[in-house]
Amino acid sequence: MNNGGTEMYCRNCETTQFCKKINLSEFGDESYLGDCSNEQRRWSSKYPDLQFFMRGRKCLVCKSEFITVEIHESALQELVRLREIWDDITIRLGDFDKDAFEDLPRLLSLFQYMQKAPQSYDLR
């Protein structure tokens, strides 16, 4: 059942569904997604290499509306690496209690570890 949509992942349905394109103006002001824009093409003035293309979508099954963004593959790879780093930090912190002084050495140890992070964390 295509009905003019593109098959893609719907977070609400938690599976792939056919979703149709809808006008971005239906979402109101989305200026938080890039502070510079040319209709659907947007970019960040702070990070000029972060440029992307936005589309409004509507799931043909659950009717939820959402925005998809096309980005350069290297930006996606950077996001994945940052999530890996974040996961590693949270695993190493464990049940860190920010108010307890006894956790300070463990936190300092984590910072030292991050300074010597593996090359897979190189974010250049």
PDB file of N, CA and C in Angstrom:
ATOM      1  N   MET A   1       0.843  -1.190   0.000  1.00  0.00           N
ATOM      2  CA  MET A   1       0.000   0.000   0.000  1.00  0.00           C
ATOM      3  C   MET A   1       0.882   1.245   0.000  1.00  0.00           C
ATOM      4  N   ASN A   2       1.286   1.693  -1.168  1.00  0.00           N
ATOM      5  CA  ASN A   2       2.191   2.832  -1.279  1.00  0.00           C
ATOM      6  C   ASN A   2       1.443   4.153  -1.118  1.00  0.00           C
ATOM      7  N   ASN A   3       0.380   4.364  -1.856  1.00  0.00           N
ATOM      8  CA  ASN A   3      -0.413   5.600  -1.801  1.00  0.00           C
ATOM      9  C   ASN A   3       0.428   6.867  -1.934  1.00  0.00           C
ATOM     10  N   GLY A   4       1.491   6.833  -2.733  1.00  0.00           N
ATOM     11  CA  GLY A   4       2.274   8.028  -2.977  1.00  0.00           C
ATOM     12  C   GLY A   4       3.300   8.362  -1.915  1.00  0.00           C
ATOM     13  N   GLY A   5       3.564   7.463  -1.020  1.00  0.00           N
ATOM     14  CA  GLY A   5       4.539   7.730   0.036  1.00  0.00           C
ATOM     15  C   GLY A   5       5.852   7.009  -0.204  1.00  0.00           C
ATOM     16  N   THR A   6       6.810   7.317   0.644  1.00  0.00           N
ATOM     17  CA  THR A   6       8.120   6.675   0.626  1.00  0.00           C
ATOM     18  C   THR A   6       8.230   5.804   1.868  1.00  0.00           C
ATOM     19  N   GLU A   7       8.726   4.589   1.705  1.00  0.00           N
ATOM     20  CA  GLU A   7       8.869   3.705   2.852  1.00  0.00           C
ATOM     21  C   GLU A   7      10.049   4.166   3.702  1.00  0.00           C
ATOM     22  N   MET A   8       9.779   4.418   4.981  1.00  0.00           N
ATOM     23  CA  MET A   8      10.821   4.862   5.905  1.00  0.00           C
ATOM     24  C   MET A   8      10.415   4.508   7.326  1.00  0.00           C
ATOM     25  N   TYR A   9      11.341   4.658   8.254  1.00  0.00           N
ATOM     26  CA  TYR A   9      11.086   4.329   9.655  1.00  0.00           C
ATOM     27  C   TYR A   9      10.191   5.377  10.299  1.00  0.00           C
ATOM     28  N   CYS A  10       9.125   4.928  10.945  1.00  0.00           N
ATOM     29  CA  CYS A  10       8.252   5.799  11.731  1.00  0.00           C
ATOM     30  C   CYS A  10       8.517   5.502  13.194  1.00  0.00           C
ATOM     31  N   ARG A  11       8.990   6.503  13.947  1.00  0.00           N
ATOM     32  CA  ARG A  11       9.320   6.299  15.365  1.00  0.00           C
ATOM     33  C   ARG A  11       8.079   5.986  16.185  1.00  0.00           C
ATOM     34  N   ASN A  12       6.935   6.494  15.754  1.00  0.00           N
ATOM     35  CA  ASN A  12       5.699   6.234  16.485  1.00  0.00           C
ATOM     36  C   ASN A  12       5.263   4.777  16.306  1.00  0.00           C
ATOM     37  N   CYS A  13       5.321   4.276  15.072  1.00  0.00           N
ATOM     38  CA  CYS A  13       4.960   2.881  14.786  1.00  0.00           C
ATOM     39  C   CYS A  13       6.083   1.915  15.173  1.00  0.00           C
ATOM     40  N   GLU A  14       7.292   2.431  15.276  1.00  0.00           N
ATOM     41  CA  GLU A  14       8.497   1.648  15.578  1.00  0.00           C
ATOM     42  C   GLU A  14       8.782   0.584  14.514  1.00  0.00           C
ATOM     43  N   THR A  15       8.467   0.914  13.277  1.00  0.00           N
ATOM     44  CA  THR A  15       8.750   0.044  12.140  1.00  0.00           C
ATOM     45  C   THR A  15       8.713   0.897  10.870  1.00  0.00           C
ATOM     46  N   THR A  16       9.080   0.295   9.743  1.00  0.00           N
ATOM     47  CA  THR A  16       9.005   1.048   8.491  1.00  0.00           C
ATOM     48  C   THR A  16       7.557   1.088   8.008  1.00  0.00           C
ATOM     49  N   GLN A  17       7.177   2.245   7.518  1.00  0.00           N
ATOM     50  CA  GLN A  17       5.833   2.478   6.991  1.00  0.00           C
ATOM     51  C   GLN A  17       5.965   3.391   5.782  1.00  0.00           C
ATOM     52  N   PHE A  18       4.906   3.500   5.013  1.00  0.00           N
ATOM     53  CA  PHE A  18       4.896   4.470   3.936  1.00  0.00           C
ATOM     54  C   PHE A  18       4.515   5.824   4.524  1.00  0.00           C
ATOM     55  N   CYS A  19       5.302   6.844   4.185  1.00  0.00           N
ATOM     56  CA  CYS A  19       5.102   8.194   4.709  1.00  0.00           C
ATOM     57  C   CYS A  19       5.097   9.162   3.537  1.00  0.00           C
ATOM     58  N   LYS A  20       4.152  10.096   3.556  1.00  0.00           N
ATOM     59  CA  LYS A  20       4.091  11.076   2.478  1.00  0.00           C
ATOM     60  C   LYS A  20       4.779  12.365   2.900  1.00  0.00           C
ATOM     61  N   LYS A  21       5.199  13.118   1.897  1.00  0.00           N
ATOM     62  CA  LYS A  21       5.834  14.416   2.133  1.00  0.00           C
ATOM     63  C   LYS A  21       4.745  15.434   2.460  1.00  0.00           C
ATOM     64  N   ILE A  22       4.998  16.271   3.465  1.00  0.00           N
ATOM     65  CA  ILE A  22       4.101  17.378   3.769  1.00  0.00           C
ATOM     66  C   ILE A  22       4.930  18.652   3.863  1.00  0.00           C
ATOM     67  N   ASN A  23       4.289  19.774   3.719  1.00  0.00           N
ATOM     68  CA  ASN A  23       4.964  21.060   3.705  1.00  0.00           C
ATOM     69  C   ASN A  23       5.562  21.379   5.079  1.00  0.00           C
ATOM     70  N   LEU A  24       6.803  21.858   5.091  1.00  0.00           N
ATOM     71  CA  LEU A  24       7.459  22.226   6.352  1.00  0.00           C
ATOM     72  C   LEU A  24       6.719  23.332   7.092  1.00  0.00           C
ATOM     73  N   SER A  25       5.995  24.166   6.376  1.00  0.00           N
ATOM     74  CA  SER A  25       5.286  25.271   7.033  1.00  0.00           C
ATOM     75  C   SER A  25       4.230  24.767   8.015  1.00  0.00           C
ATOM     76  N   GLU A  26       3.802  23.515   7.873  1.00  0.00           N
ATOM     77  CA  GLU A  26       2.819  22.945   8.795  1.00  0.00           C
ATOM     78  C   GLU A  26       3.410  22.731  10.190  1.00  0.00           C
ATOM     79  N   PHE A  27       4.732  22.814  10.310  1.00  0.00           N
ATOM     80  CA  PHE A  27       5.397  22.597  11.595  1.00  0.00           C
ATOM     81  C   PHE A  27       5.694  23.892  12.328  1.00  0.00           C
ATOM     82  N   GLY A  28       5.379  25.022  11.733  1.00  0.00           N
ATOM     83  CA  GLY A  28       5.674  26.303  12.373  1.00  0.00           C
ATOM     84  C   GLY A  28       7.139  26.648  12.231  1.00  0.00           C
ATOM     85  N   ASP A  29       7.646  27.439  13.170  1.00  0.00           N
ATOM     86  CA  ASP A  29       9.024  27.910  13.108  1.00  0.00           C
ATOM     87  C   ASP A  29       9.966  26.822  13.589  1.00  0.00           C
ATOM     88  N   GLU A  30      10.766  26.302  12.695  1.00  0.00           N
ATOM     89  CA  GLU A  30      11.748  25.271  13.032  1.00  0.00           C
ATOM     90  C   GLU A  30      13.160  25.844  12.990  1.00  0.00           C
ATOM     91  N   SER A  31      13.308  27.121  13.381  1.00  0.00           N
ATOM     92  CA  SER A  31      14.596  27.785  13.258  1.00  0.00           C
ATOM     93  C   SER A  31      15.670  27.154  14.133  1.00  0.00           C
ATOM     94  N   TYR A  32      15.267  26.353  15.127  1.00  0.00           N
ATOM     95  CA  TYR A  32      16.274  25.690  15.953  1.00  0.00           C
ATOM     96  C   TYR A  32      17.066  24.683  15.147  1.00  0.00           C
ATOM     97  N   LEU A  33      16.550  24.287  14.012  1.00  0.00           N
ATOM     98  CA  LEU A  33      17.279  23.374  13.137  1.00  0.00           C
ATOM     99  C   LEU A  33      18.055  24.183  12.109  1.00  0.00           C
ATOM    100  N   GLY A  34      19.179  24.696  12.505  1.00  0.00           N
ATOM    101  CA  GLY A  34      20.009  25.500  11.621  1.00  0.00           C
ATOM    102  C   GLY A  34      19.587  26.950  11.670  1.00  0.00           C
ATOM    103  N   ASP A  35      20.517  27.826  11.901  1.00  0.00           N
ATOM    104  CA  ASP A  35      20.162  29.237  12.029  1.00  0.00           C
ATOM    105  C   ASP A  35      20.214  29.967  10.698  1.00  0.00           C
ATOM    106  N   CYS A  36      20.579  29.271   9.638  1.00  0.00           N
ATOM    107  CA  CYS A  36      20.576  29.857   8.300  1.00  0.00           C
ATOM    108  C   CYS A  36      19.777  28.918   7.405  1.00  0.00           C
ATOM    109  N   SER A  37      18.947  29.499   6.526  1.00  0.00           N
ATOM    110  CA  SER A  37      18.148  28.610   5.689  1.00  0.00           C
ATOM    111  C   SER A  37      17.863  29.213   4.327  1.00  0.00           C
ATOM    112  N   ASN A  38      17.573  28.329   3.424  1.00  0.00           N
ATOM    113  CA  ASN A  38      17.128  28.653   2.081  1.00  0.00           C
ATOM    114  C   ASN A  38      16.021  27.634   1.795  1.00  0.00           C
ATOM    115  N   GLU A  39      14.812  27.914   2.324  1.00  0.00           N
ATOM    116  CA  GLU A  39      13.691  26.988   2.245  1.00  0.00           C
ATOM    117  C   GLU A  39      14.050  25.691   2.974  1.00  0.00           C
ATOM    118  N   GLN A  40      14.155  24.575   2.253  1.00  0.00           N
ATOM    119  CA  GLN A  40      14.423  23.287   2.891  1.00  0.00           C
ATOM    120  C   GLN A  40      15.900  23.068   3.192  1.00  0.00           C
ATOM    121  N   ARG A  41      16.773  23.777   2.496  1.00  0.00           N
ATOM    122  CA  ARG A  41      18.215  23.615   2.729  1.00  0.00           C
ATOM    123  C   ARG A  41      18.614  24.508   3.890  1.00  0.00           C
ATOM    124  N   ARG A  42      19.241  23.918   4.903  1.00  0.00           N
ATOM    125  CA  ARG A  42      19.604  24.668   6.102  1.00  0.00           C
ATOM    126  C   ARG A  42      21.058  24.389   6.463  1.00  0.00           C
ATOM    127  N   TRP A  43      21.619  25.294   7.265  1.00  0.00           N
ATOM    128  CA  TRP A  43      22.993  25.128   7.725  1.00  0.00           C
ATOM    129  C   TRP A  43      23.193  25.928   8.993  1.00  0.00           C
ATOM    130  N   SER A  44      24.298  25.657   9.650  1.00  0.00           N
ATOM    131  CA  SER A  44      24.650  26.322  10.898  1.00  0.00           C
ATOM    132  C   SER A  44      25.743  27.344  10.636  1.00  0.00           C
ATOM    133  N   SER A  45      25.539  28.570  11.109  1.00  0.00           N
ATOM    134  CA  SER A  45      26.594  29.568  10.948  1.00  0.00           C
ATOM    135  C   SER A  45      27.775  29.259  11.876  1.00  0.00           C
ATOM    136  N   LYS A  46      27.502  28.597  12.987  1.00  0.00           N
ATOM    137  CA  LYS A  46      28.573  28.232  13.915  1.00  0.00           C
ATOM    138  C   LYS A  46      29.401  27.066  13.366  1.00  0.00           C
ATOM    139  N   TYR A  47      28.745  26.136  12.685  1.00  0.00           N
ATOM    140  CA  TYR A  47      29.415  24.978  12.086  1.00  0.00           C
ATOM    141  C   TYR A  47      29.060  24.947  10.595  1.00  0.00           C
ATOM    142  N   PRO A  48      29.733  25.735   9.775  1.00  0.00           N
ATOM    143  CA  PRO A  48      29.351  25.860   8.364  1.00  0.00           C
ATOM    144  C   PRO A  48      29.410  24.546   7.583  1.00  0.00           C
ATOM    145  N   ASP A  49      30.168  23.569   8.067  1.00  0.00           N
ATOM    146  CA  ASP A  49      30.208  22.283   7.367  1.00  0.00           C
ATOM    147  C   ASP A  49      28.983  21.424   7.687  1.00  0.00           C
ATOM    148  N   LEU A  50      28.153  21.869   8.633  1.00  0.00           N
ATOM    149  CA  LEU A  50      26.941  21.136   8.994  1.00  0.00           C
ATOM    150  C   LEU A  50      25.768  21.699   8.192  1.00  0.00           C
ATOM    151  N   GLN A  51      25.557  21.113   7.017  1.00  0.00           N
ATOM    152  CA  GLN A  51      24.483  21.537   6.133  1.00  0.00           C
ATOM    153  C   GLN A  51      23.548  20.351   5.932  1.00  0.00           C
ATOM    154  N   PHE A  52      22.261  20.647   5.789  1.00  0.00           N
ATOM    155  CA  PHE A  52      21.291  19.558   5.695  1.00  0.00           C
ATOM    156  C   PHE A  52      20.053  20.007   4.932  1.00  0.00           C
ATOM    157  N   PHE A  53      19.241  19.029   4.572  1.00  0.00           N
ATOM    158  CA  PHE A  53      18.024  19.245   3.802  1.00  0.00           C
ATOM    159  C   PHE A  53      16.865  18.662   4.600  1.00  0.00           C
ATOM    160  N   MET A  54      15.833  19.460   4.848  1.00  0.00           N
ATOM    161  CA  MET A  54      14.706  19.033   5.689  1.00  0.00           C
ATOM    162  C   MET A  54      13.464  18.744   4.840  1.00  0.00           C
ATOM    163  N   ARG A  55      12.693  17.744   5.298  1.00  0.00           N
ATOM    164  CA  ARG A  55      11.401  17.432   4.687  1.00  0.00           C
ATOM    165  C   ARG A  55      10.399  17.118   5.784  1.00  0.00           C
ATOM    166  N   GLY A  56       9.194  17.616   5.627  1.00  0.00           N
ATOM    167  CA  GLY A  56       8.103  17.219   6.504  1.00  0.00           C
ATOM    168  C   GLY A  56       7.544  15.895   6.016  1.00  0.00           C
ATOM    169  N   ARG A  57       7.148  15.031   6.951  1.00  0.00           N
ATOM    170  CA  ARG A  57       6.613  13.712   6.602  1.00  0.00           C
ATOM    171  C   ARG A  57       5.371  13.420   7.445  1.00  0.00           C
ATOM    172  N   LYS A  58       4.507  12.578   6.898  1.00  0.00           N
ATOM    173  CA  LYS A  58       3.325  12.114   7.627  1.00  0.00           C
ATOM    174  C   LYS A  58       3.175  10.622   7.370  1.00  0.00           C
ATOM    175  N   CYS A  59       3.157   9.846   8.447  1.00  0.00           N
ATOM    176  CA  CYS A  59       3.004   8.404   8.344  1.00  0.00           C
ATOM    177  C   CYS A  59       1.589   8.108   7.859  1.00  0.00           C
ATOM    178  N   LEU A  60       1.481   7.279   6.834  1.00  0.00           N
ATOM    179  CA  LEU A  60       0.176   6.946   6.275  1.00  0.00           C
ATOM    180  C   LEU A  60      -0.577   5.932   7.133  1.00  0.00           C
ATOM    181  N   VAL A  61       0.102   5.338   8.127  1.00  0.00           N
ATOM    182  CA  VAL A  61      -0.555   4.362   9.003  1.00  0.00           C
ATOM    183  C   VAL A  61      -1.053   5.028  10.282  1.00  0.00           C
ATOM    184  N   CYS A  62      -0.143   5.649  11.036  1.00  0.00           N
ATOM    185  CA  CYS A  62      -0.525   6.224  12.335  1.00  0.00           C
ATOM    186  C   CYS A  62      -0.846   7.716  12.258  1.00  0.00           C
ATOM    187  N   LYS A  63      -0.567   8.325  11.101  1.00  0.00           N
ATOM    188  CA  LYS A  63      -0.839   9.754  10.854  1.00  0.00           C
ATOM    189  C   LYS A  63       0.072  10.700  11.638  1.00  0.00           C
ATOM    190  N   SER A  64       1.122  10.193  12.287  1.00  0.00           N
ATOM    191  CA  SER A  64       2.040  11.088  12.998  1.00  0.00           C
ATOM    192  C   SER A  64       2.834  11.899  11.982  1.00  0.00           C
ATOM    193  N   GLU A  65       3.146  13.138  12.358  1.00  0.00           N
ATOM    194  CA  GLU A  65       3.912  14.036  11.500  1.00  0.00           C
ATOM    195  C   GLU A  65       5.285  14.246  12.113  1.00  0.00           C
ATOM    196  N   PHE A  66       6.293  14.254  11.265  1.00  0.00           N
ATOM    197  CA  PHE A  66       7.662  14.421  11.744  1.00  0.00           C
ATOM    198  C   PHE A  66       8.508  15.016  10.643  1.00  0.00           C
ATOM    199  N   ILE A  67       9.706  15.406  11.003  1.00  0.00           N
ATOM    200  CA  ILE A  67      10.648  15.992  10.048  1.00  0.00           C
ATOM    201  C   ILE A  67      11.802  15.023   9.849  1.00  0.00           C
ATOM    202  N   THR A  68      12.165  14.811   8.594  1.00  0.00           N
ATOM    203  CA  THR A  68      13.373  14.049   8.302  1.00  0.00           C
ATOM    204  C   THR A  68      14.428  15.032   7.815  1.00  0.00           C
ATOM    205  N   VAL A  69      15.675  14.648   8.010  1.00  0.00           N
ATOM    206  CA  VAL A  69      16.787  15.510   7.643  1.00  0.00           C
ATOM    207  C   VAL A  69      17.821  14.672   6.903  1.00  0.00           C
ATOM    208  N   GLU A  70      18.243  15.149   5.741  1.00  0.00           N
ATOM    209  CA  GLU A  70      19.333  14.525   5.011  1.00  0.00           C
ATOM    210  C   GLU A  70      20.611  15.268   5.346  1.00  0.00           C
ATOM    211  N   ILE A  71      21.629  14.523   5.772  1.00  0.00           N
ATOM    212  CA  ILE A  71      22.919  15.128   6.093  1.00  0.00           C
ATOM    213  C   ILE A  71      24.025  14.352   5.375  1.00  0.00           C
ATOM    214  N   HIS A  72      25.178  14.965   5.279  1.00  0.00           N
ATOM    215  CA  HIS A  72      26.336  14.296   4.702  1.00  0.00           C
ATOM    216  C   HIS A  72      26.687  13.106   5.588  1.00  0.00           C
ATOM    217  N   GLU A  73      27.120  12.020   4.976  1.00  0.00           N
ATOM    218  CA  GLU A  73      27.432  10.809   5.719  1.00  0.00           C
ATOM    219  C   GLU A  73      28.469  11.052   6.815  1.00  0.00           C
ATOM    220  N   SER A  74      29.433  11.918   6.572  1.00  0.00           N
ATOM    221  CA  SER A  74      30.470  12.173   7.583  1.00  0.00           C
ATOM    222  C   SER A  74      29.867  12.802   8.846  1.00  0.00           C
ATOM    223  N   ALA A  75      28.810  13.609   8.695  1.00  0.00           N
ATOM    224  CA  ALA A  75      28.144  14.191   9.869  1.00  0.00           C
ATOM    225  C   ALA A  75      27.442  13.107  10.670  1.00  0.00           C
ATOM    226  N   LEU A  76      26.855  12.141   9.982  1.00  0.00           N
ATOM    227  CA  LEU A  76      26.217  11.022  10.673  1.00  0.00           C
ATOM    228  C   LEU A  76      27.264  10.169  11.391  1.00  0.00           C
ATOM    229  N   GLN A  77      28.402   9.938  10.729  1.00  0.00           N
ATOM    230  CA  GLN A  77      29.480   9.183  11.366  1.00  0.00           C
ATOM    231  C   GLN A  77      29.967   9.896  12.624  1.00  0.00           C
ATOM    232  N   GLU A  78      30.052  11.220  12.574  1.00  0.00           N
ATOM    233  CA  GLU A  78      30.457  11.993  13.744  1.00  0.00           C
ATOM    234  C   GLU A  78      29.445  11.829  14.877  1.00  0.00           C
ATOM    235  N   LEU A  79      28.162  11.861  14.549  1.00  0.00           N
ATOM    236  CA  LEU A  79      27.121  11.669  15.558  1.00  0.00           C
ATOM    237  C   LEU A  79      27.243  10.296  16.208  1.00  0.00           C
ATOM    238  N   VAL A  80      27.478   9.270  15.411  1.00  0.00           N
ATOM    239  CA  VAL A  80      27.637   7.918  15.951  1.00  0.00           C
ATOM    240  C   VAL A  80      28.840   7.864  16.884  1.00  0.00           C
ATOM    241  N   ARG A  81      29.970   8.473  16.473  1.00  0.00           N
ATOM    242  CA  ARG A  81      31.161   8.474  17.330  1.00  0.00           C
ATOM    243  C   ARG A  81      30.893   9.217  18.640  1.00  0.00           C
ATOM    244  N   LEU A  82      30.173  10.331  18.565  1.00  0.00           N
ATOM    245  CA  LEU A  82      29.853  11.071  19.788  1.00  0.00           C
ATOM    246  C   LEU A  82      28.960  10.255  20.712  1.00  0.00           C
ATOM    247  N   ARG A  83      28.023   9.508  20.150  1.00  0.00           N
ATOM    248  CA  ARG A  83      27.182   8.634  20.977  1.00  0.00           C
ATOM    249  C   ARG A  83      28.010   7.520  21.613  1.00  0.00           C
ATOM    250  N   GLU A  84      28.975   6.982  20.865  1.00  0.00           N
ATOM    251  CA  GLU A  84      29.858   5.957  21.429  1.00  0.00           C
ATOM    252  C   GLU A  84      30.637   6.518  22.611  1.00  0.00           C
ATOM    253  N   ILE A  85      31.153   7.726  22.457  1.00  0.00           N
ATOM    254  CA  ILE A  85      31.882   8.375  23.544  1.00  0.00           C
ATOM    255  C   ILE A  85      30.961   8.579  24.736  1.00  0.00           C
ATOM    256  N   TRP A  86      29.765   9.081  24.479  1.00  0.00           N
ATOM    257  CA  TRP A  86      28.813   9.323  25.569  1.00  0.00           C
ATOM    258  C   TRP A  86      28.470   8.019  26.286  1.00  0.00           C
ATOM    259  N   ASP A  87      28.232   6.941  25.528  1.00  0.00           N
ATOM    260  CA  ASP A  87      27.949   5.648  26.140  1.00  0.00           C
ATOM    261  C   ASP A  87      29.110   5.201  27.012  1.00  0.00           C
ATOM    262  N   ASP A  88      30.325   5.380  26.513  1.00  0.00           N
ATOM    263  CA  ASP A  88      31.510   4.991  27.268  1.00  0.00           C
ATOM    264  C   ASP A  88      31.617   5.798  28.563  1.00  0.00           C
ATOM    265  N   ILE A  89      31.346   7.080  28.490  1.00  0.00           N
ATOM    266  CA  ILE A  89      31.391   7.933  29.681  1.00  0.00           C
ATOM    267  C   ILE A  89      30.362   7.461  30.704  1.00  0.00           C
ATOM    268  N   THR A  90      29.136   7.236  30.264  1.00  0.00           N
ATOM    269  CA  THR A  90      28.083   6.846  31.222  1.00  0.00           C
ATOM    270  C   THR A  90      28.361   5.468  31.818  1.00  0.00           C
ATOM    271  N   ILE A  91      28.940   4.547  31.033  1.00  0.00           N
ATOM    272  CA  ILE A  91      29.287   3.229  31.570  1.00  0.00           C
ATOM    273  C   ILE A  91      30.390   3.367  32.615  1.00  0.00           C
ATOM    274  N   ARG A  92      31.405   4.178  32.300  1.00  0.00           N
ATOM    275  CA  ARG A  92      32.519   4.343  33.228  1.00  0.00           C
ATOM    276  C   ARG A  92      32.114   5.115  34.480  1.00  0.00           C
ATOM    277  N   LEU A  93      31.158   6.020  34.347  1.00  0.00           N
ATOM    278  CA  LEU A  93      30.688   6.753  35.529  1.00  0.00           C
ATOM    279  C   LEU A  93      29.815   5.872  36.418  1.00  0.00           C
ATOM    280  N   GLY A  94      29.113   4.938  35.791  1.00  0.00           N
ATOM    281  CA  GLY A  94      28.254   4.054  36.561  1.00  0.00           C
ATOM    282  C   GLY A  94      27.247   4.836  37.373  1.00  0.00           C
ATOM    283  N   ASP A  95      27.250   4.568  38.656  1.00  0.00           N
ATOM    284  CA  ASP A  95      26.301   5.239  39.550  1.00  0.00           C
ATOM    285  C   ASP A  95      26.964   6.435  40.226  1.00  0.00           C
ATOM    286  N   PHE A  96      27.669   7.227  39.450  1.00  0.00           N
ATOM    287  CA  PHE A  96      28.383   8.398  39.963  1.00  0.00           C
ATOM    288  C   PHE A  96      27.446   9.323  40.731  1.00  0.00           C
ATOM    289  N   ASP A  97      27.853   9.686  41.925  1.00  0.00           N
ATOM    290  CA  ASP A  97      27.090  10.623  42.760  1.00  0.00           C
ATOM    291  C   ASP A  97      27.838  11.946  42.739  1.00  0.00           C
ATOM    292  N   LYS A  98      27.306  12.916  42.019  1.00  0.00           N
ATOM    293  CA  LYS A  98      28.016  14.182  41.832  1.00  0.00           C
ATOM    294  C   LYS A  98      28.219  14.937  43.125  1.00  0.00           C
ATOM    295  N   ASP A  99      27.484  14.611  44.170  1.00  0.00           N
ATOM    296  CA  ASP A  99      27.615  15.317  45.441  1.00  0.00           C
ATOM    297  C   ASP A  99      28.586  14.639  46.406  1.00  0.00           C
ATOM    298  N   ALA A 100      29.076  13.475  46.060  1.00  0.00           N
ATOM    299  CA  ALA A 100      29.936  12.729  46.971  1.00  0.00           C
ATOM    300  C   ALA A 100      31.404  12.916  46.601  1.00  0.00           C
ATOM    301  N   PHE A 101      32.213  13.337  47.550  1.00  0.00           N
ATOM    302  CA  PHE A 101      33.631  13.570  47.290  1.00  0.00           C
ATOM    303  C   PHE A 101      34.382  12.285  46.968  1.00  0.00           C
ATOM    304  N   GLU A 102      33.883  11.158  47.458  1.00  0.00           N
ATOM    305  CA  GLU A 102      34.597   9.913  47.186  1.00  0.00           C
ATOM    306  C   GLU A 102      34.562   9.540  45.704  1.00  0.00           C
ATOM    307  N   ASP A 103      33.657  10.104  44.934  1.00  0.00           N
ATOM    308  CA  ASP A 103      33.600   9.831  43.505  1.00  0.00           C
ATOM    309  C   ASP A 103      34.538  10.724  42.693  1.00  0.00           C
ATOM    310  N   LEU A 104      35.123  11.724  43.310  1.00  0.00           N
ATOM    311  CA  LEU A 104      35.989  12.641  42.589  1.00  0.00           C
ATOM    312  C   LEU A 104      37.176  11.937  41.930  1.00  0.00           C
ATOM    313  N   PRO A 105      37.893  11.031  42.603  1.00  0.00           N
ATOM    314  CA  PRO A 105      39.007  10.348  41.922  1.00  0.00           C
ATOM    315  C   PRO A 105      38.543   9.554  40.692  1.00  0.00           C
ATOM    316  N   ARG A 106      37.373   8.936  40.775  1.00  0.00           N
ATOM    317  CA  ARG A 106      36.861   8.184  39.642  1.00  0.00           C
ATOM    318  C   ARG A 106      36.552   9.121  38.470  1.00  0.00           C
ATOM    319  N   LEU A 107      36.010  10.283  38.762  1.00  0.00           N
ATOM    320  CA  LEU A 107      35.711  11.259  37.722  1.00  0.00           C
ATOM    321  C   LEU A 107      37.001  11.781  37.095  1.00  0.00           C
ATOM    322  N   LEU A 108      37.994  12.073  37.904  1.00  0.00           N
ATOM    323  CA  LEU A 108      39.288  12.528  37.377  1.00  0.00           C
ATOM    324  C   LEU A 108      39.923  11.451  36.508  1.00  0.00           C
ATOM    325  N   SER A 109      39.790  10.204  36.924  1.00  0.00           N
ATOM    326  CA  SER A 109      40.295   9.090  36.137  1.00  0.00           C
ATOM    327  C   SER A 109      39.609   9.025  34.773  1.00  0.00           C
ATOM    328  N   LEU A 110      38.317   9.306  34.758  1.00  0.00           N
ATOM    329  CA  LEU A 110      37.577   9.313  33.499  1.00  0.00           C
ATOM    330  C   LEU A 110      38.092  10.410  32.577  1.00  0.00           C
ATOM    331  N   PHE A 111      38.336  11.594  33.109  1.00  0.00           N
ATOM    332  CA  PHE A 111      38.860  12.686  32.286  1.00  0.00           C
ATOM    333  C   PHE A 111      40.229  12.324  31.727  1.00  0.00           C
ATOM    334  N   GLN A 112      41.069  11.680  32.527  1.00  0.00           N
ATOM    335  CA  GLN A 112      42.374  11.257  32.027  1.00  0.00           C
ATOM    336  C   GLN A 112      42.219  10.243  30.913  1.00  0.00           C
ATOM    337  N   TYR A 113      41.254   9.339  31.071  1.00  0.00           N
ATOM    338  CA  TYR A 113      40.989   8.347  30.040  1.00  0.00           C
ATOM    339  C   TYR A 113      40.573   9.041  28.736  1.00  0.00           C
ATOM    340  N   MET A 114      39.682  10.018  28.834  1.00  0.00           N
ATOM    341  CA  MET A 114      39.187  10.691  27.635  1.00  0.00           C
ATOM    342  C   MET A 114      40.298  11.462  26.927  1.00  0.00           C
ATOM    343  N   GLN A 115      41.288  11.946  27.670  1.00  0.00           N
ATOM    344  CA  GLN A 115      42.414  12.633  27.039  1.00  0.00           C
ATOM    345  C   GLN A 115      43.239  11.670  26.197  1.00  0.00           C
ATOM    346  N   LYS A 116      43.219  10.396  26.571  1.00  0.00           N
ATOM    347  CA  LYS A 116      43.960   9.365  25.841  1.00  0.00           C
ATOM    348  C   LYS A 116      43.007   8.502  25.016  1.00  0.00           C
ATOM    349  N   ALA A 117      41.892   9.065  24.610  1.00  0.00           N
ATOM    350  CA  ALA A 117      40.846   8.307  23.907  1.00  0.00           C
ATOM    351  C   ALA A 117      41.395   7.624  22.665  1.00  0.00           C
ATOM    352  N   PRO A 118      40.867   6.449  22.363  1.00  0.00           N
ATOM    353  CA  PRO A 118      41.302   5.714  21.159  1.00  0.00           C
ATOM    354  C   PRO A 118      41.074   6.532  19.894  1.00  0.00           C
ATOM    355  N   GLN A 119      41.782   6.180  18.838  1.00  0.00           N
ATOM    356  CA  GLN A 119      41.669   6.895  17.582  1.00  0.00           C
ATOM    357  C   GLN A 119      40.254   6.865  17.022  1.00  0.00           C
ATOM    358  N   SER A 120      39.451   5.857  17.387  1.00  0.00           N
ATOM    359  CA  SER A 120      38.078   5.803  16.877  1.00  0.00           C
ATOM    360  C   SER A 120      37.264   6.993  17.391  1.00  0.00           C
ATOM    361  N   TYR A 121      37.782   7.674  18.423  1.00  0.00           N
ATOM    362  CA  TYR A 121      37.092   8.831  18.960  1.00  0.00           C
ATOM    363  C   TYR A 121      37.611  10.135  18.354  1.00  0.00           C
ATOM    364  N   ASP A 122      38.520  10.029  17.384  1.00  0.00           N
ATOM    365  CA  ASP A 122      39.075  11.233  16.770  1.00  0.00           C
ATOM    366  C   ASP A 122      37.967  11.940  15.999  1.00  0.00           C
ATOM    367  N   LEU A 123      37.595  13.146  16.426  1.00  0.00           N
ATOM    368  CA  LEU A 123      36.452  13.841  15.849  1.00  0.00           C
ATOM    369  C   LEU A 123      36.851  14.899  14.828  1.00  0.00           C
ATOM    370  N   ARG A 124      38.070  14.817  14.299  1.00  0.00           N
ATOM    371  CA  ARG A 124      38.490  15.817  13.305  1.00  0.00           C
ATOM    372  C   ARG A 124      37.676  15.750  12.068  1.00  0.00           C
TER     373      ARG A 124
END
